[in-house]
Amino acid sequence: MTSVTSNQVGFKWDAVKGATSYNIYRYYAKIATVTTNSYLSNPTLKPDSSYIFNVSAVNAAGESAWSEKFTIRTNKEEA
């Protein structure tokens, strides 16, 4: 599930059994750690722009491999 506006994106993924948190990466740099299987960005993204994300699962044993990268494009700014 993905939600998109001109300056914000949100997405959800399948929960990973045993995960206690998830790391969110944008352009391969960690930008957030969340405890649920969803993420909503800050409303500071540029309109009509593509952003590349990855997600990893974390538990006491460490961090999983990253998900496949996926791209979300923000909407054009409304006039």
N, C-alpha and C. Protein backbone atom coordinates (compact mmCIF):
# COMPACT_ATOMS: atom_id res chain seq x y z
N MET A 1 0.84 -1.17 0.00
CA MET A 1 0.00 0.00 0.00
C MET A 1 0.89 1.24 0.00
N THR A 2 0.58 2.18 -0.88
CA THR A 2 1.36 3.40 -1.00
C THR A 2 0.44 4.60 -1.01
N SER A 3 0.83 5.66 -0.31
CA SER A 3 0.10 6.92 -0.39
C SER A 3 1.09 7.98 -0.82
N VAL A 4 0.64 8.88 -1.69
CA VAL A 4 1.54 9.87 -2.27
C VAL A 4 0.84 11.22 -2.35
N THR A 5 1.54 12.27 -1.97
CA THR A 5 1.10 13.65 -2.22
C THR A 5 2.25 14.33 -2.96
N SER A 6 2.17 15.63 -3.11
CA SER A 6 3.24 16.34 -3.82
C SER A 6 4.51 16.48 -2.97
N ASN A 7 4.41 16.30 -1.65
CA ASN A 7 5.60 16.48 -0.81
C ASN A 7 5.78 15.39 0.25
N GLN A 8 5.02 14.30 0.15
CA GLN A 8 5.10 13.26 1.18
C GLN A 8 4.71 11.91 0.57
N VAL A 9 5.38 10.85 1.04
CA VAL A 9 5.01 9.49 0.63
C VAL A 9 4.86 8.62 1.86
N GLY A 10 4.03 7.62 1.73
CA GLY A 10 3.87 6.62 2.78
C GLY A 10 3.78 5.26 2.13
N PHE A 11 4.27 4.25 2.81
CA PHE A 11 4.16 2.90 2.28
C PHE A 11 4.13 1.88 3.40
N LYS A 12 3.63 0.70 3.07
CA LYS A 12 3.49 -0.40 4.02
C LYS A 12 4.06 -1.66 3.38
N TRP A 13 4.55 -2.57 4.18
CA TRP A 13 5.12 -3.82 3.68
C TRP A 13 4.68 -4.95 4.58
N ASP A 14 4.90 -6.18 4.14
CA ASP A 14 4.54 -7.35 4.94
C ASP A 14 5.44 -7.41 6.18
N ALA A 15 4.83 -7.61 7.32
CA ALA A 15 5.59 -7.72 8.56
C ALA A 15 6.50 -8.94 8.50
N VAL A 16 7.66 -8.84 9.12
CA VAL A 16 8.62 -9.95 9.18
C VAL A 16 8.53 -10.57 10.57
N LYS A 17 8.29 -11.87 10.62
CA LYS A 17 8.17 -12.56 11.91
C LYS A 17 9.47 -12.40 12.70
N GLY A 18 9.35 -11.98 13.94
CA GLY A 18 10.50 -11.81 14.82
C GLY A 18 11.15 -10.44 14.76
N ALA A 19 10.73 -9.61 13.82
CA ALA A 19 11.33 -8.26 13.73
C ALA A 19 10.81 -7.39 14.87
N THR A 20 11.70 -6.62 15.47
CA THR A 20 11.31 -5.69 16.52
C THR A 20 11.26 -4.25 15.99
N SER A 21 11.93 -4.01 14.88
CA SER A 21 11.87 -2.71 14.21
C SER A 21 12.31 -2.87 12.76
N TYR A 22 12.19 -1.78 12.03
CA TYR A 22 12.57 -1.77 10.61
C TYR A 22 13.36 -0.51 10.34
N ASN A 23 14.41 -0.64 9.55
CA ASN A 23 15.18 0.53 9.11
C ASN A 23 14.70 0.93 7.72
N ILE A 24 14.52 2.21 7.52
CA ILE A 24 14.09 2.75 6.24
C ILE A 24 15.29 3.47 5.62
N TYR A 25 15.58 3.14 4.37
CA TYR A 25 16.68 3.77 3.64
C TYR A 25 16.12 4.52 2.44
N ARG A 26 16.64 5.72 2.21
CA ARG A 26 16.32 6.48 1.00
C ARG A 26 17.64 6.81 0.34
N TYR A 27 17.77 6.47 -0.92
CA TYR A 27 19.05 6.63 -1.64
C TYR A 27 20.18 5.98 -0.84
N TYR A 28 19.88 4.82 -0.24
CA TYR A 28 20.87 3.96 0.42
C TYR A 28 21.44 4.56 1.70
N ALA A 29 20.80 5.60 2.22
CA ALA A 29 21.19 6.17 3.53
C ALA A 29 20.02 5.98 4.49
N LYS A 30 20.32 5.51 5.70
CA LYS A 30 19.24 5.28 6.68
C LYS A 30 18.62 6.61 7.07
N ILE A 31 17.29 6.68 6.95
CA ILE A 31 16.60 7.93 7.29
C ILE A 31 15.65 7.77 8.47
N ALA A 32 15.32 6.50 8.82
CA ALA A 32 14.37 6.31 9.92
C ALA A 32 14.43 4.88 10.43
N THR A 33 14.00 4.70 11.67
CA THR A 33 13.74 3.40 12.25
C THR A 33 12.32 3.43 12.79
N VAL A 34 11.52 2.45 12.40
CA VAL A 34 10.12 2.40 12.83
C VAL A 34 9.84 1.06 13.49
N THR A 35 8.82 1.01 14.33
CA THR A 35 8.50 -0.24 15.04
C THR A 35 7.28 -0.94 14.44
N THR A 36 6.67 -0.34 13.43
CA THR A 36 5.56 -0.99 12.73
C THR A 36 5.97 -1.18 11.27
N ASN A 37 5.16 -1.92 10.52
CA ASN A 37 5.51 -2.21 9.14
C ASN A 37 4.92 -1.17 8.18
N SER A 38 5.09 0.09 8.56
CA SER A 38 4.65 1.19 7.69
C SER A 38 5.52 2.41 7.95
N TYR A 39 5.57 3.29 6.96
CA TYR A 39 6.40 4.48 7.06
C TYR A 39 5.70 5.65 6.37
N LEU A 40 5.76 6.81 6.99
CA LEU A 40 5.25 8.05 6.39
C LEU A 40 6.37 9.07 6.47
N SER A 41 6.78 9.58 5.31
CA SER A 41 7.89 10.53 5.27
C SER A 41 7.49 11.88 5.87
N ASN A 42 8.49 12.69 6.16
CA ASN A 42 8.23 14.08 6.51
C ASN A 42 7.68 14.77 5.28
N PRO A 43 6.86 15.80 5.43
CA PRO A 43 6.27 16.47 4.27
C PRO A 43 7.23 17.49 3.65
N THR A 44 8.46 17.04 3.35
CA THR A 44 9.49 17.94 2.84
C THR A 44 10.07 17.48 1.51
N LEU A 45 9.43 16.50 0.87
CA LEU A 45 9.93 16.00 -0.40
C LEU A 45 9.57 16.97 -1.53
N LYS A 46 10.31 16.88 -2.62
CA LYS A 46 10.07 17.76 -3.76
C LYS A 46 8.95 17.20 -4.63
N PRO A 47 8.08 18.07 -5.15
CA PRO A 47 7.01 17.62 -6.04
C PRO A 47 7.57 17.03 -7.33
N ASP A 48 6.82 16.06 -7.90
CA ASP A 48 7.15 15.47 -9.19
C ASP A 48 8.58 14.93 -9.23
N SER A 49 8.97 14.24 -8.15
CA SER A 49 10.33 13.70 -8.04
C SER A 49 10.27 12.23 -7.62
N SER A 50 11.23 11.46 -8.10
CA SER A 50 11.31 10.04 -7.75
C SER A 50 12.27 9.84 -6.59
N TYR A 51 11.90 8.94 -5.69
CA TYR A 51 12.71 8.61 -4.53
C TYR A 51 12.87 7.09 -4.45
N ILE A 52 14.09 6.64 -4.19
CA ILE A 52 14.38 5.21 -4.09
C ILE A 52 14.46 4.83 -2.62
N PHE A 53 13.74 3.77 -2.26
CA PHE A 53 13.71 3.30 -0.87
C PHE A 53 14.11 1.83 -0.78
N ASN A 54 14.61 1.43 0.39
CA ASN A 54 14.82 0.05 0.80
C ASN A 54 14.38 -0.05 2.25
N VAL A 55 14.03 -1.26 2.66
CA VAL A 55 13.64 -1.52 4.05
C VAL A 55 14.41 -2.74 4.54
N SER A 56 14.79 -2.75 5.81
CA SER A 56 15.38 -3.94 6.42
C SER A 56 14.68 -4.21 7.75
N ALA A 57 14.68 -5.46 8.16
CA ALA A 57 14.10 -5.85 9.45
C ALA A 57 15.22 -5.96 10.48
N VAL A 58 14.89 -5.63 11.72
CA VAL A 58 15.89 -5.65 12.80
C VAL A 58 15.32 -6.42 13.99
N ASN A 59 16.18 -7.23 14.62
CA ASN A 59 15.84 -7.85 15.90
C ASN A 59 17.12 -8.00 16.71
N ALA A 60 17.06 -8.72 17.82
CA ALA A 60 18.22 -8.84 18.70
C ALA A 60 19.42 -9.47 18.00
N ALA A 61 19.18 -10.27 16.96
CA ALA A 61 20.27 -10.92 16.24
C ALA A 61 20.94 -9.98 15.24
N GLY A 62 20.31 -8.85 14.93
CA GLY A 62 20.91 -7.91 14.00
C GLY A 62 19.94 -7.47 12.92
N GLU A 63 20.51 -6.98 11.83
CA GLU A 63 19.72 -6.42 10.73
C GLU A 63 19.69 -7.39 9.56
N SER A 64 18.53 -7.52 8.94
CA SER A 64 18.40 -8.38 7.77
C SER A 64 19.02 -7.71 6.55
N ALA A 65 19.08 -8.47 5.47
CA ALA A 65 19.45 -7.88 4.19
C ALA A 65 18.37 -6.87 3.80
N TRP A 66 18.73 -5.91 2.99
CA TRP A 66 17.77 -4.91 2.55
C TRP A 66 16.77 -5.51 1.58
N SER A 67 15.59 -4.94 1.55
CA SER A 67 14.60 -5.32 0.55
C SER A 67 15.12 -4.91 -0.83
N GLU A 68 14.45 -5.41 -1.85
CA GLU A 68 14.73 -4.89 -3.19
C GLU A 68 14.41 -3.41 -3.18
N LYS A 69 15.15 -2.63 -3.93
CA LYS A 69 14.85 -1.19 -3.98
C LYS A 69 13.52 -0.97 -4.69
N PHE A 70 12.82 0.07 -4.30
CA PHE A 70 11.58 0.44 -4.97
C PHE A 70 11.52 1.95 -5.06
N THR A 71 10.87 2.41 -6.09
CA THR A 71 10.82 3.84 -6.38
C THR A 71 9.40 4.35 -6.21
N ILE A 72 9.27 5.50 -5.56
CA ILE A 72 7.98 6.17 -5.42
C ILE A 72 8.17 7.58 -5.95
N ARG A 73 7.25 8.02 -6.77
CA ARG A 73 7.30 9.37 -7.33
C ARG A 73 6.22 10.24 -6.68
N THR A 74 6.63 11.40 -6.21
CA THR A 74 5.66 12.34 -5.64
C THR A 74 4.79 12.93 -6.75
N ASN A 75 3.64 13.40 -6.36
CA ASN A 75 2.70 14.01 -7.32
C ASN A 75 3.22 15.38 -7.74
N LYS A 76 2.71 15.83 -8.87
CA LYS A 76 2.99 17.21 -9.29
C LYS A 76 2.29 18.15 -8.33
N GLU A 77 2.89 19.30 -8.13
CA GLU A 77 2.30 20.30 -7.24
C GLU A 77 1.03 20.85 -7.87
N GLU A 78 -0.01 20.95 -7.08
CA GLU A 78 -1.28 21.46 -7.60
C GLU A 78 -1.20 22.97 -7.75
N ALA A 79 -1.79 23.45 -8.83
CA ALA A 79 -1.75 24.89 -9.11
C ALA A 79 -2.66 25.65 -8.17
